[in-house]
Amino acid sequence: MSWIDRLRLAFTPTARISYEFADSPSNVLNYDARRLYLTQDNLQAVINYRANAIAQLPLKVYRRNGETERDRDRDSVVAKLLYKPNDYQTQFEFFYGTMIEWDIFGSVYWLVTPSANTESGYQLNIIPSDWVVKKENESAYGPSAIYVKAKDASEVVKIPKENFINFSLYMPGHPGGYASPISSLRQTLMEQIEAAGFRSKLWKSSGRLNAQIIRPKDVQPWDEQTRDRWIEAFRKAWGSGGSNEGKIPLMEDGMEIKPFQTSFKEQQWAESVKLNRETCAAAYQMNPSMIWHSDAQTYASAKDNVRALYSDSLGPVLQRFQQRINAFLFPMVGAESILYCEFDLNEKLKGSFEETASIIQSAVGGPWMTRNEARARVNLPPVEGGDDLIVPLNVVAGGQASPTDTHMDAGKPL
């Protein structure tokens, strides 16, 4: 059995694999990067939002016909491969997993192998970062081979560079390495974990009744043993899980219950939560108001945020991935040099249909869509004669720039 066959077994849906947490440079209080993602809600919200935003963008393949013309390609090997990367994942699922892995660790590997089960003849698989146990470097900028050991596997498999693609963030002073974005959140996440632990201990170590018990000084004093016995009995009965939890105790010997409330506002709990959200979002170049509701956000600002998301926040990420796919994946599977891939941002960056139609109509000076093109937008079949562009006579002969104009006298200024 070849190394490809041995490793492919690890990616089959029937493989039973258990995962463990591995150490990483972003270790915080014995929480590695993966565990931080699984336990810190703000961090997970940012990473999941980014992964969904990128995965929903279709990655399309085009064929260059000169400098200004291009045609959509659906039949080449790379087009089929990117549309269906393997025999158990869709394009959305594959890129969603890629972005989760990349945003957590700052690096992700794609395994590229021949396959008889896919239409393209090749298969792409995400190699979990925990599986990479060793690297061989022929230069300072990337490994010439990686050694992979799937969990519960009996041996380590060496994969040459001809069969993998690596996407990684730059590590200053070590270009062949990578840096997890979570590393920059070390202090913020540590404070959040400590604060959550403090609040948990506060609930568990004190009675559920938010009050303090005062015993008059002029009654018969307790000895130390009596006082400790009474405190232990009270905590067992009215503490967490006690038989009288949530009930009001009956006090004796002149003892009083006075309300006592821990003020988390004074401890800046709310401010720390907001800071944690903003810091997590900043580490991934995200606007916090896109992920968490803000009272100051309006409809206009929400539209601007969407444009900024794909142009400023995710634009560099998309460019990084599509350039590396074009430069390394395409030659790896024997694609023609005139083919290239690109994420389709039109659906996310364009405005409503009414806004788009008005802008294009004003730009071209007349109708720009045929009846069959309009019917296709609403999933209706074409009709005979529907491929002809209908142009009203007032646009051709009336001298108007658009059929929506109402001025009919071409001799008078509008």
Protein backbone atom coordinates (compact mmCIF):
# COMPACT_ATOMS: atom_id res chain seq x y z
CA MET A 1 0.00 0.00 0.00
CA SER A 2 1.45 3.37 -1.04
CA TRP A 3 1.76 6.37 1.28
CA ILE A 4 -1.13 8.02 -0.55
CA ASP A 5 -3.40 5.06 0.12
CA ARG A 6 -2.31 4.84 3.75
CA LEU A 7 -2.96 8.50 4.36
CA ARG A 8 -6.21 8.56 2.37
CA LEU A 9 -7.67 6.07 4.84
CA ALA A 10 -7.50 8.77 7.50
CA PHE A 11 -9.80 11.04 5.46
CA THR A 12 -12.51 8.50 4.68
CA PRO A 13 -15.86 9.08 6.40
CA THR A 14 -15.63 5.62 7.99
CA ALA A 15 -12.36 6.33 9.79
CA ARG A 16 -12.74 6.49 13.56
CA ILE A 17 -10.32 9.11 14.82
CA SER A 18 -10.14 10.65 18.28
CA TYR A 19 -8.48 14.03 18.68
CA GLU A 20 -6.26 15.45 21.40
CA PHE A 21 -5.22 18.99 22.14
CA ALA A 22 -1.68 19.78 21.05
CA ASP A 23 0.61 22.42 22.47
CA SER A 24 0.94 25.61 20.47
CA PRO A 25 2.68 29.00 20.75
CA SER A 26 -0.63 30.52 21.82
CA ASN A 27 -0.81 28.49 25.04
CA VAL A 28 -2.73 30.43 27.71
CA LEU A 29 -3.11 28.92 31.19
CA ASN A 30 -2.69 25.43 29.67
CA TYR A 31 -5.30 26.31 27.00
CA ASP A 32 -3.89 25.69 23.53
CA ALA A 33 -5.21 27.45 20.42
CA ARG A 34 -7.80 24.79 19.66
CA ARG A 35 -9.15 24.71 23.19
CA LEU A 36 -9.31 28.50 23.33
CA TYR A 37 -11.45 28.42 20.19
CA LEU A 38 -13.76 25.81 21.72
CA THR A 39 -14.16 27.54 25.09
CA GLN A 40 -13.98 31.30 24.43
CA ASP A 41 -17.29 32.43 22.94
CA ASN A 42 -16.07 35.79 21.64
CA LEU A 43 -13.09 34.25 19.86
CA GLN A 44 -15.26 31.53 18.38
CA ALA A 45 -17.84 34.07 17.19
CA VAL A 46 -15.20 36.03 15.25
CA ILE A 47 -13.59 32.97 13.66
CA ASN A 48 -16.92 31.39 12.69
CA TYR A 49 -18.16 34.66 11.21
CA ARG A 50 -15.07 34.97 9.03
CA ALA A 51 -15.25 31.34 7.96
CA ASN A 52 -18.91 31.65 6.94
CA ALA A 53 -18.30 34.94 5.12
CA ILE A 54 -15.53 33.42 2.99
CA ALA A 55 -17.03 29.96 2.48
CA GLN A 56 -20.22 31.39 0.97
CA LEU A 57 -18.25 33.08 -1.82
CA PRO A 58 -18.11 30.90 -4.95
CA LEU A 59 -14.57 30.26 -6.14
CA LYS A 60 -14.88 30.31 -9.93
CA VAL A 61 -12.40 29.40 -12.67
CA TYR A 62 -12.01 31.62 -15.75
CA ARG A 63 -10.22 31.34 -19.08
CA ARG A 64 -8.35 34.39 -20.40
CA ASN A 65 -9.08 35.38 -24.00
CA GLY A 66 -6.78 38.34 -24.45
CA GLU A 67 -6.32 41.19 -22.02
CA THR A 68 -9.95 42.23 -21.61
CA GLU A 69 -12.02 39.11 -22.30
CA ARG A 70 -12.59 36.09 -20.14
CA ASP A 71 -14.96 33.13 -20.15
CA ARG A 72 -16.24 31.10 -17.23
CA ASP A 73 -14.70 27.62 -17.21
CA ARG A 74 -16.63 24.67 -15.77
CA ASP A 75 -15.07 21.72 -17.59
CA SER A 76 -11.38 21.85 -16.73
CA VAL A 77 -9.77 19.67 -14.06
CA VAL A 78 -9.27 22.58 -11.67
CA ALA A 79 -12.84 23.83 -12.08
CA LYS A 80 -14.22 20.40 -11.21
CA LEU A 81 -11.70 20.00 -8.36
CA LEU A 82 -12.52 23.31 -6.71
CA TYR A 83 -16.27 22.75 -7.17
CA LYS A 84 -16.06 19.34 -5.46
CA PRO A 85 -12.73 19.03 -3.61
CA ASN A 86 -13.28 15.44 -2.48
CA ASP A 87 -15.91 12.73 -2.35
CA TYR A 88 -17.41 13.83 0.99
CA GLN A 89 -17.25 17.66 1.12
CA THR A 90 -18.80 20.50 -0.85
CA GLN A 91 -16.87 23.64 -1.76
CA PHE A 92 -18.53 25.53 1.11
CA GLU A 93 -17.67 22.86 3.69
CA PHE A 94 -14.11 22.57 2.44
CA PHE A 95 -13.38 26.31 2.61
CA TYR A 96 -15.22 26.65 5.93
CA GLY A 97 -12.91 24.03 7.44
CA THR A 98 -9.89 25.62 5.78
CA MET A 99 -10.64 29.02 7.29
CA ILE A 100 -11.32 27.60 10.77
CA GLU A 101 -7.97 25.80 10.73
CA TRP A 102 -6.12 28.81 9.29
CA ASP A 103 -7.61 31.36 11.70
CA ILE A 104 -6.88 29.20 14.74
CA PHE A 105 -3.32 28.12 13.95
CA GLY A 106 -2.23 30.64 11.32
CA SER A 107 -1.38 27.77 8.97
CA VAL A 108 -3.22 25.09 7.02
CA TYR A 109 -2.11 22.36 4.61
CA TRP A 110 -4.00 20.97 1.61
CA LEU A 111 -3.15 17.44 0.56
CA VAL A 112 -3.38 17.00 -3.24
CA THR A 113 -3.62 13.40 -4.44
CA PRO A 114 -4.90 11.54 -7.52
CA SER A 115 -8.32 9.97 -7.03
CA ALA A 116 -10.50 7.63 -9.05
CA ASN A 117 -13.60 8.61 -7.05
CA THR A 118 -13.86 12.23 -8.22
CA GLU A 119 -14.76 13.65 -11.62
CA SER A 120 -11.64 15.80 -11.69
CA GLY A 121 -9.31 12.86 -11.09
CA TYR A 122 -7.80 14.57 -8.03
CA GLN A 123 -8.74 15.09 -4.42
CA LEU A 124 -8.11 17.88 -1.90
CA ASN A 125 -8.03 17.20 1.84
CA ILE A 126 -7.31 19.47 4.80
CA ILE A 127 -4.44 18.13 6.89
CA PRO A 128 -5.19 18.93 10.56
CA SER A 129 -2.37 20.88 12.18
CA ASP A 130 -2.22 18.32 14.99
CA TRP A 131 -1.18 15.67 12.48
CA VAL A 132 1.95 17.49 11.27
CA VAL A 133 4.73 16.21 13.51
CA LYS A 134 7.85 17.25 11.57
CA LYS A 135 9.00 19.34 8.61
CA GLU A 136 11.97 19.27 6.28
CA ASN A 137 13.10 22.66 4.95
CA GLU A 138 15.07 23.06 1.77
CA SER A 139 14.88 26.86 2.15
CA ALA A 140 13.92 29.38 4.79
CA TYR A 141 10.55 30.03 3.12
CA GLY A 142 8.80 26.70 3.29
CA PRO A 143 9.07 22.97 3.90
CA SER A 144 10.23 20.55 1.22
CA ALA A 145 8.36 17.75 2.98
CA ILE A 146 6.13 17.25 5.98
CA TYR A 147 5.68 14.21 8.20
CA VAL A 148 2.08 13.44 9.11
CA LYS A 149 0.74 11.05 11.70
CA ALA A 150 -3.02 10.71 11.98
CA LYS A 151 -4.38 9.99 15.43
CA ASP A 152 -4.47 6.23 16.12
CA ALA A 153 -2.30 5.64 13.04
CA SER A 154 0.56 3.19 13.39
CA GLU A 155 3.16 5.06 11.37
CA VAL A 156 4.32 8.50 10.26
CA VAL A 157 3.82 9.33 6.57
CA LYS A 158 6.22 11.59 4.67
CA ILE A 159 4.51 13.89 2.14
CA PRO A 160 6.72 15.63 -0.48
CA LYS A 161 6.03 19.21 -1.50
CA GLU A 162 4.65 18.02 -4.84
CA ASN A 163 1.57 16.79 -2.96
CA PHE A 164 0.69 19.61 -0.60
CA ILE A 165 0.01 23.34 -0.54
CA ASN A 166 0.67 25.41 2.57
CA PHE A 167 -1.12 28.63 3.50
CA SER A 168 0.47 30.37 6.48
CA LEU A 169 0.84 33.73 8.15
CA TYR A 170 4.29 35.29 8.18
CA MET A 171 6.47 34.77 11.25
CA PRO A 172 8.88 37.71 11.77
CA GLY A 173 12.46 36.49 11.66
CA HIS A 174 11.36 33.01 10.62
CA PRO A 175 9.68 33.15 7.19
CA GLY A 176 9.26 29.39 7.04
CA GLY A 177 7.23 29.37 10.24
CA TYR A 178 3.82 30.77 11.06
CA ALA A 179 2.13 32.77 13.79
CA SER A 180 -1.34 32.14 15.17
CA PRO A 181 -3.52 35.28 15.49
CA ILE A 182 -4.55 33.96 18.89
CA SER A 183 -1.01 34.60 20.15
CA SER A 184 -1.71 38.33 20.20
CA LEU A 185 -4.76 37.70 22.39
CA ARG A 186 -2.81 35.98 25.14
CA GLN A 187 -3.23 38.68 27.81
CA THR A 188 -6.86 39.45 26.99
CA LEU A 189 -7.93 35.81 26.99
CA MET A 190 -6.00 35.11 30.18
CA GLU A 191 -7.86 37.90 31.96
CA GLN A 192 -11.19 36.64 30.61
CA ILE A 193 -10.51 33.09 31.78
CA GLU A 194 -9.44 34.29 35.22
CA ALA A 195 -12.51 36.52 35.53
CA ALA A 196 -14.83 33.68 34.54
CA GLY A 197 -13.14 31.40 37.07
CA PHE A 198 -13.55 34.00 39.81
CA ARG A 199 -17.27 34.41 39.12
CA SER A 200 -17.74 30.64 39.09
CA LYS A 201 -15.96 30.25 42.43
CA LEU A 202 -18.01 33.09 43.89
CA TRP A 203 -21.26 31.30 43.05
CA LYS A 204 -20.06 27.96 44.34
CA SER A 205 -18.39 29.09 47.55
CA SER A 206 -21.19 31.28 48.94
CA GLY A 207 -24.86 30.82 49.67
CA ARG A 208 -27.33 31.50 46.91
CA LEU A 209 -28.90 34.12 49.15
CA ASN A 210 -27.14 37.40 48.31
CA ALA A 211 -26.91 38.59 51.89
CA GLN A 212 -24.65 38.51 54.91
CA ILE A 213 -25.64 37.23 58.37
CA ILE A 214 -24.92 39.44 61.40
CA ARG A 215 -24.99 38.07 64.96
CA PRO A 216 -25.39 40.57 67.82
CA LYS A 217 -22.35 41.02 70.01
CA ASP A 218 -24.34 41.00 73.29
CA VAL A 219 -25.60 37.42 72.98
CA GLN A 220 -23.82 34.39 74.35
CA PRO A 221 -20.57 34.13 72.41
CA TRP A 222 -19.77 31.07 70.32
CA ASP A 223 -16.61 29.15 70.67
CA GLU A 224 -14.66 28.42 67.52
CA GLN A 225 -15.98 24.88 67.15
CA THR A 226 -19.63 25.98 67.46
CA ARG A 227 -19.16 28.79 64.93
CA ASP A 228 -17.47 26.52 62.38
CA ARG A 229 -20.15 23.86 62.81
CA TRP A 230 -22.95 26.41 62.25
CA ILE A 231 -21.26 27.88 59.14
CA GLU A 232 -20.73 24.43 57.65
CA ALA A 233 -24.35 23.43 58.31
CA PHE A 234 -25.66 26.67 56.77
CA ARG A 235 -23.56 26.33 53.62
CA LYS A 236 -24.63 22.73 53.14
CA ALA A 237 -28.30 23.64 53.46
CA TRP A 238 -28.43 26.97 51.62
CA GLY A 239 -25.39 26.74 49.39
CA SER A 240 -25.18 25.39 45.85
CA GLY A 241 -27.15 22.14 45.64
CA GLY A 242 -28.29 22.36 49.26
CA SER A 243 -31.69 21.13 50.47
CA ASN A 244 -32.82 24.71 51.24
CA GLU A 245 -31.26 26.37 48.22
CA GLY A 246 -33.27 29.45 47.23
CA LYS A 247 -35.33 29.46 50.45
CA ILE A 248 -35.28 32.14 53.18
CA PRO A 249 -33.64 30.90 56.39
CA LEU A 250 -35.22 31.43 59.83
CA MET A 251 -32.66 33.16 62.04
CA GLU A 252 -32.42 32.87 65.86
CA ASP A 253 -30.56 34.53 68.76
CA GLY A 254 -31.15 37.99 67.29
CA MET A 255 -29.20 37.27 64.10
CA GLU A 256 -30.07 39.44 61.09
CA ILE A 257 -29.80 39.04 57.35
CA LYS A 258 -28.64 42.11 55.50
CA PRO A 259 -28.61 42.27 51.70
CA PHE A 260 -25.20 42.00 50.16
CA GLN A 261 -24.57 42.29 46.44
CA THR A 262 -21.27 41.92 44.65
CA SER A 263 -21.04 44.76 42.18
CA PHE A 264 -19.57 43.53 38.94
CA LYS A 265 -19.91 47.04 37.59
CA GLU A 266 -17.35 48.19 40.13
CA GLN A 267 -15.10 45.34 39.02
CA GLN A 268 -15.58 46.56 35.42
CA TRP A 269 -17.05 43.22 34.37
CA ALA A 270 -19.20 44.68 31.57
CA GLU A 271 -16.31 46.78 30.32
CA SER A 272 -14.01 43.77 30.30
CA VAL A 273 -16.49 41.77 28.20
CA LYS A 274 -16.74 44.61 25.69
CA LEU A 275 -12.96 44.96 25.62
CA ASN A 276 -12.59 41.23 25.04
CA ARG A 277 -14.96 41.37 22.07
CA GLU A 278 -13.25 44.36 20.54
CA THR A 279 -9.78 42.89 21.03
CA CYS A 280 -10.74 39.54 19.49
CA ALA A 281 -12.29 41.34 16.52
CA ALA A 282 -9.26 43.60 16.11
CA ALA A 283 -6.88 40.62 16.03
CA TYR A 284 -8.73 39.42 12.93
CA GLN A 285 -9.27 42.89 11.38
CA MET A 286 -13.03 42.74 11.97
CA ASN A 287 -15.55 45.42 12.91
CA PRO A 288 -17.16 44.29 16.21
CA SER A 289 -20.53 45.83 15.28
CA MET A 290 -20.85 43.33 12.41
CA ILE A 291 -20.78 40.39 14.83
CA TRP A 292 -22.39 41.85 17.95
CA HIS A 293 -25.39 44.14 17.98
CA SER A 294 -24.73 47.82 18.54
CA ASP A 295 -27.38 50.43 19.34
CA ALA A 296 -25.45 52.97 17.28
CA GLN A 297 -25.65 50.90 14.10
CA THR A 298 -28.05 52.10 11.40
CA TYR A 299 -29.18 50.57 8.09
CA ALA A 300 -26.76 52.78 6.18
CA SER A 301 -23.82 51.86 8.40
CA ALA A 302 -24.73 48.16 8.14
CA LYS A 303 -24.51 48.39 4.33
CA ASP A 304 -21.15 50.14 4.56
CA ASN A 305 -19.92 47.49 6.99
CA VAL A 306 -20.70 44.72 4.51
CA ARG A 307 -18.71 46.49 1.80
CA ALA A 308 -15.83 47.10 4.20
CA LEU A 309 -15.91 43.45 5.28
CA TYR A 310 -15.15 42.11 1.81
CA SER A 311 -12.94 44.96 0.61
CA ASP A 312 -10.81 45.72 3.68
CA SER A 313 -11.18 42.94 6.27
CA LEU A 314 -11.42 39.83 4.08
CA GLY A 315 -9.98 41.27 0.86
CA PRO A 316 -6.34 40.48 1.74
CA VAL A 317 -7.28 36.97 2.89
CA LEU A 318 -9.13 36.23 -0.35
CA GLN A 319 -6.24 37.59 -2.41
CA ARG A 320 -3.74 35.47 -0.47
CA PHE A 321 -5.67 32.26 -1.08
CA GLN A 322 -6.57 32.77 -4.73
CA GLN A 323 -3.01 33.81 -5.65
CA ARG A 324 -1.52 30.75 -3.97
CA ILE A 325 -4.09 28.46 -5.58
CA ASN A 326 -3.33 29.93 -9.01
CA ALA A 327 0.43 29.76 -8.52
CA PHE A 328 0.74 26.30 -6.95
CA LEU A 329 -2.43 24.18 -7.23
CA PHE A 330 -3.08 24.81 -10.91
CA PRO A 331 0.39 23.68 -12.13
CA MET A 332 0.22 20.75 -9.70
CA VAL A 333 -2.81 19.27 -11.52
CA GLY A 334 -1.64 20.24 -15.00
CA ALA A 335 -3.97 23.19 -15.63
CA GLU A 336 -3.49 25.45 -18.64
CA SER A 337 -1.63 28.70 -18.01
CA ILE A 338 -4.59 30.77 -19.28
CA LEU A 339 -6.81 29.48 -16.48
CA TYR A 340 -7.13 31.25 -13.16
CA CYS A 341 -9.55 31.28 -10.21
CA GLU A 342 -11.20 34.17 -8.43
CA PHE A 343 -13.68 34.55 -5.57
CA ASP A 344 -16.94 36.02 -6.86
CA LEU A 345 -17.60 39.13 -4.76
CA ASN A 346 -20.33 40.58 -6.96
CA GLU A 347 -23.20 39.06 -5.01
CA LYS A 348 -21.90 40.51 -1.73
CA LEU A 349 -20.67 43.94 -2.83
CA LYS A 350 -23.44 45.01 -5.17
CA GLY A 351 -26.48 46.83 -3.87
CA SER A 352 -30.12 45.87 -4.23
CA PHE A 353 -31.47 44.90 -7.66
CA GLU A 354 -33.25 48.25 -7.95
CA GLU A 355 -30.07 50.20 -7.20
CA THR A 356 -27.98 48.09 -9.57
CA ALA A 357 -30.53 48.31 -12.40
CA SER A 358 -30.76 52.10 -12.07
CA ILE A 359 -26.99 52.60 -12.03
CA ILE A 360 -26.31 50.33 -15.02
CA GLN A 361 -29.21 51.81 -17.01
CA SER A 362 -27.88 55.32 -16.48
CA ALA A 363 -24.37 54.21 -17.43
CA VAL A 364 -25.29 52.48 -20.70
CA GLY A 365 -28.08 54.88 -21.71
CA GLY A 366 -30.81 52.31 -22.19
CA PRO A 367 -32.13 48.84 -21.40
CA TRP A 368 -29.37 46.34 -20.67
CA MET A 369 -31.14 43.04 -19.93
CA THR A 370 -33.10 40.77 -22.28
CA ARG A 371 -36.36 39.11 -21.32
CA ASN A 372 -34.75 35.68 -21.07
CA GLU A 373 -31.97 37.05 -18.86
CA ALA A 374 -34.60 38.54 -16.58
CA ARG A 375 -36.57 35.27 -16.55
CA ALA A 376 -33.41 33.34 -15.65
CA ARG A 377 -32.97 35.51 -12.53
CA VAL A 378 -36.30 34.20 -11.20
CA ASN A 379 -35.70 30.61 -12.42
CA LEU A 380 -38.18 30.73 -15.29
CA PRO A 381 -37.54 29.01 -18.66
CA PRO A 382 -36.64 31.10 -21.74
CA VAL A 383 -39.30 32.12 -24.23
CA GLU A 384 -39.09 32.40 -28.00
CA GLY A 385 -37.76 35.77 -29.08
CA GLY A 386 -36.69 36.58 -25.55
CA ASP A 387 -33.02 37.01 -26.46
CA ASP A 388 -33.64 40.29 -28.28
CA LEU A 389 -32.96 43.47 -26.38
CA ILE A 390 -36.06 45.66 -26.39
CA VAL A 391 -35.22 49.36 -26.74
CA PRO A 392 -38.12 51.88 -26.51
CA LEU A 393 -38.35 54.30 -29.44
CA ASN A 394 -38.16 57.31 -27.18
CA VAL A 395 -34.64 56.25 -26.21
CA VAL A 396 -33.46 55.82 -29.80
CA ALA A 397 -35.37 58.65 -31.47
CA GLY A 398 -36.23 60.89 -28.58
CA GLY A 399 -32.71 61.64 -27.51
CA GLN A 400 -33.27 60.59 -23.92
CA ALA A 401 -30.52 59.00 -21.90
CA SER A 402 -32.86 56.54 -20.22
CA PRO A 403 -36.38 55.19 -20.74
CA THR A 404 -37.17 56.29 -17.21
CA ASP A 405 -36.85 59.94 -18.20
CA THR A 406 -40.22 61.66 -18.76
CA HIS A 407 -39.18 64.68 -20.83
CA MET A 408 -40.35 63.97 -24.42
CA ASP A 409 -39.10 67.11 -26.22
CA ALA A 410 -35.55 66.49 -27.35
CA GLY A 411 -35.22 70.12 -28.47
CA LYS A 412 -35.56 71.53 -24.97
CA PRO A 413 -33.01 71.17 -22.20
CA LEU A 414 -33.86 68.73 -19.40
